[in-house]
Amino acid sequence: MPLDIGVGIFASVFLGRFFGIAFTPIFLAGGILFSLLPDFDFLFTLKKGTTARAHEHRDLFHYPLLFIPIGTIIISFFDYRWAALFAITTFLHFLHDSIGLGWGVRWFYPLSQNYYAFFYQYDISRNKLPAKTLYVWSGEDVRRLSVHYGDKDWIKNIYLRFHPYAIAEFLVFLFSLVILYEYWLR
């Protein structure tokens, strides 16, 4: 999540400069909101009372071939700059969800039901999957693997422990705050 917020800040600053528009807190909030929007379905998973099956939240909004174009088209009726902000931040969110940890994203849904994940699957507490560049899993594979390799305490183990992934997420977030501060002063 800190990485997504940082990406939302970066995208807001970059696109504000690119389009030559006055930077506003509303545009910044939009960038942050758009970067987090695909994960709003996570609230439904938390309502079920479990984080062990948190991968299931990616079964509602995590369909880039549908989510990005539909959202971009709808928002473009109001303002093309906001549509660009939506497209970039949500694309980067899906990319982030496909790299490093988690069970990937259904990049080609509805053409394919498979989940795609890139690079090493970080697992701080249990067995490790073999290191590969690309993982392709069916929905059944993800359910089976999450039982064996999943971490019911993933929020604590990913965001509240000192390890390379958490450090990278927080560094991006902190760097985005520095950029925001510098940009806001100009």
C-alpha atoms as a PDB file:
ATOM      1  CA  MET A   1       0.000   0.000   0.000  1.00  0.00           C
ATOM      2  CA  PRO A   2       2.766   2.581   0.697  1.00  0.00           C
ATOM      3  CA  LEU A   3       4.097   1.893  -2.792  1.00  0.00           C
ATOM      4  CA  ASP A   4       0.659   2.494  -4.331  1.00  0.00           C
ATOM      5  CA  ILE A   5       0.290   5.782  -2.453  1.00  0.00           C
ATOM      6  CA  GLY A   6       3.778   6.827  -3.548  1.00  0.00           C
ATOM      7  CA  VAL A   7       2.931   5.959  -7.161  1.00  0.00           C
ATOM      8  CA  GLY A   8      -0.250   8.032  -6.896  1.00  0.00           C
ATOM      9  CA  ILE A   9       1.788  11.004  -5.671  1.00  0.00           C
ATOM     10  CA  PHE A  10       4.419  10.599  -8.407  1.00  0.00           C
ATOM     11  CA  ALA A  11       1.786  10.272 -11.125  1.00  0.00           C
ATOM     12  CA  SER A  12      -0.100  13.346  -9.889  1.00  0.00           C
ATOM     13  CA  VAL A  13       3.045  15.464  -9.851  1.00  0.00           C
ATOM     14  CA  PHE A  14       4.318  14.146 -13.192  1.00  0.00           C
ATOM     15  CA  LEU A  15       1.007  14.497 -15.028  1.00  0.00           C
ATOM     16  CA  GLY A  16       0.356  17.907 -13.511  1.00  0.00           C
ATOM     17  CA  ARG A  17       3.664  19.089 -14.937  1.00  0.00           C
ATOM     18  CA  PHE A  18       3.206  17.197 -18.212  1.00  0.00           C
ATOM     19  CA  PHE A  19      -0.185  18.758 -18.868  1.00  0.00           C
ATOM     20  CA  GLY A  20       0.889  22.145 -17.509  1.00  0.00           C
ATOM     21  CA  ILE A  21      -1.953  22.338 -15.040  1.00  0.00           C
ATOM     22  CA  ALA A  22      -1.872  23.983 -11.653  1.00  0.00           C
ATOM     23  CA  PHE A  23      -1.170  21.375  -9.024  1.00  0.00           C
ATOM     24  CA  THR A  24      -4.098  20.978  -6.640  1.00  0.00           C
ATOM     25  CA  PRO A  25      -4.718  18.847  -3.576  1.00  0.00           C
ATOM     26  CA  ILE A  26      -7.743  17.403  -5.400  1.00  0.00           C
ATOM     27  CA  PHE A  27      -5.589  16.155  -8.294  1.00  0.00           C
ATOM     28  CA  LEU A  28      -3.147  14.692  -5.742  1.00  0.00           C
ATOM     29  CA  ALA A  29      -5.988  12.983  -3.856  1.00  0.00           C
ATOM     30  CA  GLY A  30      -7.302  11.640  -7.170  1.00  0.00           C
ATOM     31  CA  GLY A  31      -3.916  10.109  -7.985  1.00  0.00           C
ATOM     32  CA  ILE A  32      -3.728   8.431  -4.581  1.00  0.00           C
ATOM     33  CA  LEU A  33      -7.354   7.268  -4.751  1.00  0.00           C
ATOM     34  CA  PHE A  34      -6.933   5.871  -8.274  1.00  0.00           C
ATOM     35  CA  SER A  35      -3.749   4.042  -7.267  1.00  0.00           C
ATOM     36  CA  LEU A  36      -5.612   2.348  -4.398  1.00  0.00           C
ATOM     37  CA  LEU A  37      -8.937   1.837  -6.193  1.00  0.00           C
ATOM     38  CA  PRO A  38      -8.310  -1.717  -7.455  1.00  0.00           C
ATOM     39  CA  ASP A  39      -7.813  -2.838  -3.837  1.00  0.00           C
ATOM     40  CA  PHE A  40     -11.146  -1.541  -2.551  1.00  0.00           C
ATOM     41  CA  ASP A  41     -12.452  -5.060  -2.977  1.00  0.00           C
ATOM     42  CA  PHE A  42     -10.060  -6.027  -0.175  1.00  0.00           C
ATOM     43  CA  LEU A  43     -12.579  -4.530   2.249  1.00  0.00           C
ATOM     44  CA  PHE A  44     -14.984  -7.341   1.350  1.00  0.00           C
ATOM     45  CA  THR A  45     -12.288  -9.899   2.186  1.00  0.00           C
ATOM     46  CA  LEU A  46     -11.644  -8.272   5.561  1.00  0.00           C
ATOM     47  CA  LYS A  47     -15.370  -8.317   6.244  1.00  0.00           C
ATOM     48  CA  LYS A  48     -15.207 -12.104   5.888  1.00  0.00           C
ATOM     49  CA  GLY A  49     -12.798 -11.992   8.841  1.00  0.00           C
ATOM     50  CA  THR A  50      -9.735 -13.556   7.269  1.00  0.00           C
ATOM     51  CA  THR A  51      -6.516 -12.366   5.728  1.00  0.00           C
ATOM     52  CA  ALA A  52      -5.283 -15.875   4.943  1.00  0.00           C
ATOM     53  CA  ARG A  53      -7.417 -15.880   1.800  1.00  0.00           C
ATOM     54  CA  ALA A  54      -6.669 -12.252   0.934  1.00  0.00           C
ATOM     55  CA  HIS A  55      -5.770 -13.291  -2.617  1.00  0.00           C
ATOM     56  CA  GLU A  56      -9.513 -13.688  -3.183  1.00  0.00           C
ATOM     57  CA  HIS A  57      -9.891  -9.903  -3.227  1.00  0.00           C
ATOM     58  CA  ARG A  58      -8.195  -9.989  -6.625  1.00  0.00           C
ATOM     59  CA  ASP A  59     -11.240 -11.752  -8.027  1.00  0.00           C
ATOM     60  CA  LEU A  60     -13.414  -8.620  -8.163  1.00  0.00           C
ATOM     61  CA  PHE A  61     -11.541  -5.600  -9.586  1.00  0.00           C
ATOM     62  CA  HIS A  62      -8.160  -7.014 -10.618  1.00  0.00           C
ATOM     63  CA  TYR A  63      -8.856  -7.422 -14.328  1.00  0.00           C
ATOM     64  CA  PRO A  64      -6.608  -4.887 -16.129  1.00  0.00           C
ATOM     65  CA  LEU A  65      -8.014  -5.547 -19.621  1.00  0.00           C
ATOM     66  CA  LEU A  66     -11.445  -4.531 -18.342  1.00  0.00           C
ATOM     67  CA  PHE A  67     -10.770  -2.200 -15.419  1.00  0.00           C
ATOM     68  CA  ILE A  68      -8.310   0.201 -17.083  1.00  0.00           C
ATOM     69  CA  PRO A  69     -10.105   0.806 -20.410  1.00  0.00           C
ATOM     70  CA  ILE A  70     -13.592   1.024 -18.909  1.00  0.00           C
ATOM     71  CA  GLY A  71     -12.501   3.394 -16.146  1.00  0.00           C
ATOM     72  CA  THR A  72     -10.394   5.487 -18.523  1.00  0.00           C
ATOM     73  CA  ILE A  73     -13.244   5.843 -21.027  1.00  0.00           C
ATOM     74  CA  ILE A  74     -15.756   6.820 -18.342  1.00  0.00           C
ATOM     75  CA  ILE A  75     -13.426   9.388 -16.788  1.00  0.00           C
ATOM     76  CA  SER A  76     -12.399  10.767 -20.202  1.00  0.00           C
ATOM     77  CA  PHE A  77     -15.961  12.046 -20.665  1.00  0.00           C
ATOM     78  CA  PHE A  78     -15.190  14.463 -17.821  1.00  0.00           C
ATOM     79  CA  ASP A  79     -11.495  15.312 -18.318  1.00  0.00           C
ATOM     80  CA  TYR A  80      -8.722  13.632 -20.329  1.00  0.00           C
ATOM     81  CA  ARG A  81      -6.088  14.572 -17.714  1.00  0.00           C
ATOM     82  CA  TRP A  82      -7.979  12.716 -15.004  1.00  0.00           C
ATOM     83  CA  ALA A  83      -8.435   9.799 -17.402  1.00  0.00           C
ATOM     84  CA  ALA A  84      -4.659   9.701 -17.974  1.00  0.00           C
ATOM     85  CA  LEU A  85      -4.120   9.799 -14.204  1.00  0.00           C
ATOM     86  CA  PHE A  86      -6.524   6.900 -13.758  1.00  0.00           C
ATOM     87  CA  ALA A  87      -4.953   4.822 -16.552  1.00  0.00           C
ATOM     88  CA  ILE A  88      -1.382   5.282 -15.321  1.00  0.00           C
ATOM     89  CA  THR A  89      -2.010   4.768 -11.623  1.00  0.00           C
ATOM     90  CA  THR A  90      -4.213   1.707 -12.034  1.00  0.00           C
ATOM     91  CA  PHE A  91      -1.809   0.153 -14.554  1.00  0.00           C
ATOM     92  CA  LEU A  92       1.062   0.666 -12.115  1.00  0.00           C
ATOM     93  CA  HIS A  93      -1.052  -0.792  -9.308  1.00  0.00           C
ATOM     94  CA  PHE A  94      -1.651  -3.965 -11.320  1.00  0.00           C
ATOM     95  CA  LEU A  95       2.032  -4.122 -12.243  1.00  0.00           C
ATOM     96  CA  HIS A  96       2.963  -3.752  -8.569  1.00  0.00           C
ATOM     97  CA  ASP A  97       0.536  -6.540  -7.656  1.00  0.00           C
ATOM     98  CA  SER A  98       2.226  -8.775 -10.234  1.00  0.00           C
ATOM     99  CA  ILE A  99       5.791  -8.328  -9.028  1.00  0.00           C
ATOM    100  CA  GLY A 100       7.538  -9.691  -5.990  1.00  0.00           C
ATOM    101  CA  LEU A 101       4.793 -11.170  -3.859  1.00  0.00           C
ATOM    102  CA  GLY A 102       1.208 -12.214  -3.935  1.00  0.00           C
ATOM    103  CA  TRP A 103      -0.483 -14.498  -6.376  1.00  0.00           C
ATOM    104  CA  GLY A 104      -0.450 -12.247  -9.404  1.00  0.00           C
ATOM    105  CA  VAL A 105      -3.149 -10.681 -11.505  1.00  0.00           C
ATOM    106  CA  ARG A 106      -5.437 -11.969 -14.237  1.00  0.00           C
ATOM    107  CA  TRP A 107      -3.851  -9.732 -16.881  1.00  0.00           C
ATOM    108  CA  PHE A 108      -5.698 -11.261 -19.815  1.00  0.00           C
ATOM    109  CA  TYR A 109      -9.142 -11.838 -18.313  1.00  0.00           C
ATOM    110  CA  PRO A 110     -11.663 -12.491 -19.927  1.00  0.00           C
ATOM    111  CA  LEU A 111      -9.443 -14.105 -22.580  1.00  0.00           C
ATOM    112  CA  SER A 112      -7.634 -16.166 -19.954  1.00  0.00           C
ATOM    113  CA  GLN A 113      -8.501 -17.181 -16.394  1.00  0.00           C
ATOM    114  CA  ASN A 114      -4.823 -17.479 -15.406  1.00  0.00           C
ATOM    115  CA  TYR A 115      -3.009 -15.366 -12.844  1.00  0.00           C
ATOM    116  CA  TYR A 116       0.372 -13.931 -13.881  1.00  0.00           C
ATOM    117  CA  ALA A 117       3.129 -13.001 -11.467  1.00  0.00           C
ATOM    118  CA  PHE A 118       6.674 -11.903 -12.205  1.00  0.00           C
ATOM    119  CA  PHE A 119       9.913 -12.655 -10.389  1.00  0.00           C
ATOM    120  CA  TYR A 120      10.502 -14.079  -6.961  1.00  0.00           C
ATOM    121  CA  GLN A 121       7.541 -14.705  -4.713  1.00  0.00           C
ATOM    122  CA  TYR A 122       8.548 -13.254  -1.366  1.00  0.00           C
ATOM    123  CA  ASP A 123       7.763 -15.478   1.581  1.00  0.00           C
ATOM    124  CA  ILE A 124       9.216 -14.365   4.880  1.00  0.00           C
ATOM    125  CA  SER A 125       8.035 -17.149   7.124  1.00  0.00           C
ATOM    126  CA  ARG A 126       7.531 -20.421   5.281  1.00  0.00           C
ATOM    127  CA  ASN A 127       8.566 -22.499   2.320  1.00  0.00           C
ATOM    128  CA  LYS A 128       9.717 -20.665  -0.763  1.00  0.00           C
ATOM    129  CA  LEU A 129       8.563 -21.232  -4.286  1.00  0.00           C
ATOM    130  CA  PRO A 130      11.316 -21.781  -6.838  1.00  0.00           C
ATOM    131  CA  ALA A 131      12.673 -18.497  -8.167  1.00  0.00           C
ATOM    132  CA  LYS A 132      11.377 -17.891 -11.694  1.00  0.00           C
ATOM    133  CA  THR A 133      10.824 -14.917 -13.957  1.00  0.00           C
ATOM    134  CA  LEU A 134       7.195 -15.700 -14.758  1.00  0.00           C
ATOM    135  CA  TYR A 135       4.624 -17.673 -12.841  1.00  0.00           C
ATOM    136  CA  VAL A 136       1.336 -18.613 -14.516  1.00  0.00           C
ATOM    137  CA  TRP A 137      -1.310 -20.134 -12.291  1.00  0.00           C
ATOM    138  CA  SER A 138      -4.887 -21.215 -12.746  1.00  0.00           C
ATOM    139  CA  GLY A 139      -7.450 -20.187 -10.150  1.00  0.00           C
ATOM    140  CA  GLU A 140      -7.275 -23.684  -8.670  1.00  0.00           C
ATOM    141  CA  ASP A 141      -3.459 -23.441  -8.509  1.00  0.00           C
ATOM    142  CA  VAL A 142      -3.727 -20.173  -6.580  1.00  0.00           C
ATOM    143  CA  ARG A 143      -6.194 -21.671  -4.084  1.00  0.00           C
ATOM    144  CA  ARG A 144      -3.999 -24.747  -3.590  1.00  0.00           C
ATOM    145  CA  LEU A 145      -0.733 -22.797  -3.349  1.00  0.00           C
ATOM    146  CA  SER A 146      -2.201 -20.241  -0.961  1.00  0.00           C
ATOM    147  CA  VAL A 147      -3.065 -23.035   1.465  1.00  0.00           C
ATOM    148  CA  HIS A 148       0.474 -24.413   1.340  1.00  0.00           C
ATOM    149  CA  TYR A 149       2.519 -21.207   0.932  1.00  0.00           C
ATOM    150  CA  GLY A 150       0.127 -18.502   2.095  1.00  0.00           C
ATOM    151  CA  ASP A 151       0.741 -16.413   5.165  1.00  0.00           C
ATOM    152  CA  LYS A 152      -2.279 -15.617   7.336  1.00  0.00           C
ATOM    153  CA  ASP A 153      -0.224 -12.840   8.975  1.00  0.00           C
ATOM    154  CA  TRP A 154       0.892 -11.333   5.659  1.00  0.00           C
ATOM    155  CA  ILE A 155      -0.047  -7.759   6.625  1.00  0.00           C
ATOM    156  CA  LYS A 156       2.220  -7.884   9.658  1.00  0.00           C
ATOM    157  CA  ASN A 157       4.944  -9.866   7.888  1.00  0.00           C
ATOM    158  CA  ILE A 158       5.035  -7.679   4.781  1.00  0.00           C
ATOM    159  CA  TYR A 159       4.418  -4.187   6.091  1.00  0.00           C
ATOM    160  CA  LEU A 160       5.583  -4.319   9.711  1.00  0.00           C
ATOM    161  CA  ARG A 161       8.855  -6.237   9.408  1.00  0.00           C
ATOM    162  CA  PHE A 162      12.263  -5.156   8.200  1.00  0.00           C
ATOM    163  CA  HIS A 163      12.930  -6.880   4.850  1.00  0.00           C
ATOM    164  CA  PRO A 164      13.792  -5.796   1.288  1.00  0.00           C
ATOM    165  CA  TYR A 165      10.230  -5.579  -0.005  1.00  0.00           C
ATOM    166  CA  ALA A 166       8.987  -3.417   2.870  1.00  0.00           C
ATOM    167  CA  ILE A 167      12.072  -1.216   2.625  1.00  0.00           C
ATOM    168  CA  ALA A 168      11.504  -0.688  -1.117  1.00  0.00           C
ATOM    169  CA  GLU A 169       7.830   0.169  -0.585  1.00  0.00           C
ATOM    170  CA  PHE A 170       8.554   2.692   2.151  1.00  0.00           C
ATOM    171  CA  LEU A 171      11.494   4.245   0.263  1.00  0.00           C
ATOM    172  CA  VAL A 172       9.293   4.871  -2.775  1.00  0.00           C
ATOM    173  CA  PHE A 173       6.655   6.376  -0.507  1.00  0.00           C
ATOM    174  CA  LEU A 174       9.173   8.609   1.309  1.00  0.00           C
ATOM    175  CA  PHE A 175      10.793   9.684  -1.958  1.00  0.00           C
ATOM    176  CA  SER A 176       7.360  10.602  -3.338  1.00  0.00           C
ATOM    177  CA  LEU A 177       6.816  12.816  -0.281  1.00  0.00           C
ATOM    178  CA  VAL A 178      10.139  14.558  -0.938  1.00  0.00           C
ATOM    179  CA  ILE A 179       9.162  15.121  -4.592  1.00  0.00           C
ATOM    180  CA  LEU A 180       5.749  16.379  -3.507  1.00  0.00           C
ATOM    181  CA  TYR A 181       7.316  18.785  -1.000  1.00  0.00           C
ATOM    182  CA  GLU A 182       9.781  20.105  -3.620  1.00  0.00           C
ATOM    183  CA  TYR A 183       7.057  20.436  -6.240  1.00  0.00           C
ATOM    184  CA  TRP A 184       4.619  22.129  -3.900  1.00  0.00           C
ATOM    185  CA  LEU A 185       7.201  24.763  -2.937  1.00  0.00           C
ATOM    186  CA  ARG A 186       7.757  25.854  -6.545  1.00  0.00           C
END
